[in-house]
Amino acid sequence: MNERDKELAMQAGFNPFDTECYEGLDVLIDLIRADEREACAKMCESHVRQPSRLHFAAAIRARGNT
């Protein structure tokens, strides 16, 4: 979990000193990010009319693999 994730977790009400509460949070954060990437990619695909520009959606999806 990076510092930004910890900051957001604290804003959401997680206790920064209770490390047990963070165990499943990393998985949740990854799932939320993947869902947001997919939503962005789908929106990109729906607004792009030229097949040559569909690489934008592929690039968005690929960010989760790095």
Protein backbone atom coordinates (compact mmCIF):
# COMPACT_ATOMS: atom_id res chain seq x y z
CA MET A 1 0.00 0.00 0.00
CA ASN A 2 1.51 3.32 -1.02
CA GLU A 3 1.29 6.57 0.93
CA ARG A 4 -1.63 7.86 -1.15
CA ASP A 5 -3.58 4.68 -0.41
CA LYS A 6 -2.92 5.10 3.31
CA GLU A 7 -4.03 8.73 3.17
CA LEU A 8 -7.27 7.77 1.44
CA ALA A 9 -7.84 4.94 3.92
CA MET A 10 -7.49 7.37 6.81
CA GLN A 11 -9.94 9.76 5.14
CA ALA A 12 -12.35 6.84 4.86
CA GLY A 13 -12.09 6.27 8.60
CA PHE A 14 -9.54 3.48 8.87
CA ASN A 15 -7.30 3.61 11.93
CA PRO A 16 -3.69 4.06 10.73
CA PHE A 17 -2.36 2.22 13.80
CA ASP A 18 -4.55 -0.87 13.34
CA THR A 19 -2.56 -2.81 10.77
CA GLU A 20 -5.09 -5.66 10.74
CA CYS A 21 -7.66 -3.43 9.07
CA TYR A 22 -5.31 -2.92 6.12
CA GLU A 23 -4.89 -6.60 5.27
CA GLY A 24 -7.83 -6.81 2.86
CA LEU A 25 -7.66 -3.17 1.89
CA ASP A 26 -4.88 -3.73 -0.67
CA VAL A 27 -7.05 -6.23 -2.51
CA LEU A 28 -10.03 -3.89 -2.40
CA ILE A 29 -7.93 -1.01 -3.74
CA ASP A 30 -6.66 -3.17 -6.62
CA LEU A 31 -10.19 -4.26 -7.50
CA ILE A 32 -11.50 -0.69 -7.46
CA ARG A 33 -8.64 0.51 -9.66
CA ALA A 34 -9.19 -2.33 -12.14
CA ASP A 35 -12.91 -1.52 -12.26
CA GLU A 36 -12.17 2.16 -12.89
CA ARG A 37 -9.67 1.32 -15.65
CA GLU A 38 -12.23 -0.92 -17.34
CA ALA A 39 -14.91 1.77 -17.09
CA CYS A 40 -12.54 4.31 -18.65
CA ALA A 41 -11.56 1.89 -21.41
CA LYS A 42 -15.19 1.13 -22.24
CA MET A 43 -16.02 4.83 -22.35
CA CYS A 44 -13.06 5.40 -24.64
CA GLU A 45 -14.23 2.60 -26.95
CA SER A 46 -17.75 3.96 -27.08
CA HIS A 47 -16.60 7.47 -28.00
CA VAL A 48 -13.94 6.53 -30.52
CA ARG A 49 -15.25 5.96 -34.02
CA GLN A 50 -11.96 5.23 -35.75
CA PRO A 51 -10.56 1.72 -35.22
CA SER A 52 -7.02 3.09 -35.36
CA ARG A 53 -7.69 4.96 -32.11
CA LEU A 54 -8.86 1.95 -30.12
CA HIS A 55 -5.30 1.63 -28.85
CA PHE A 56 -6.27 4.19 -26.19
CA ALA A 57 -8.61 1.67 -24.56
CA ALA A 58 -5.92 -1.01 -24.77
CA ALA A 59 -3.40 1.34 -23.16
CA ILE A 60 -5.78 2.05 -20.28
CA ARG A 61 -6.31 -1.66 -19.68
CA ALA A 62 -2.58 -2.35 -19.88
CA ARG A 63 -1.87 0.02 -16.99
CA GLY A 64 -3.10 -2.68 -14.64
CA ASN A 65 -0.47 -5.09 -15.89
CA THR A 66 2.55 -2.97 -15.01
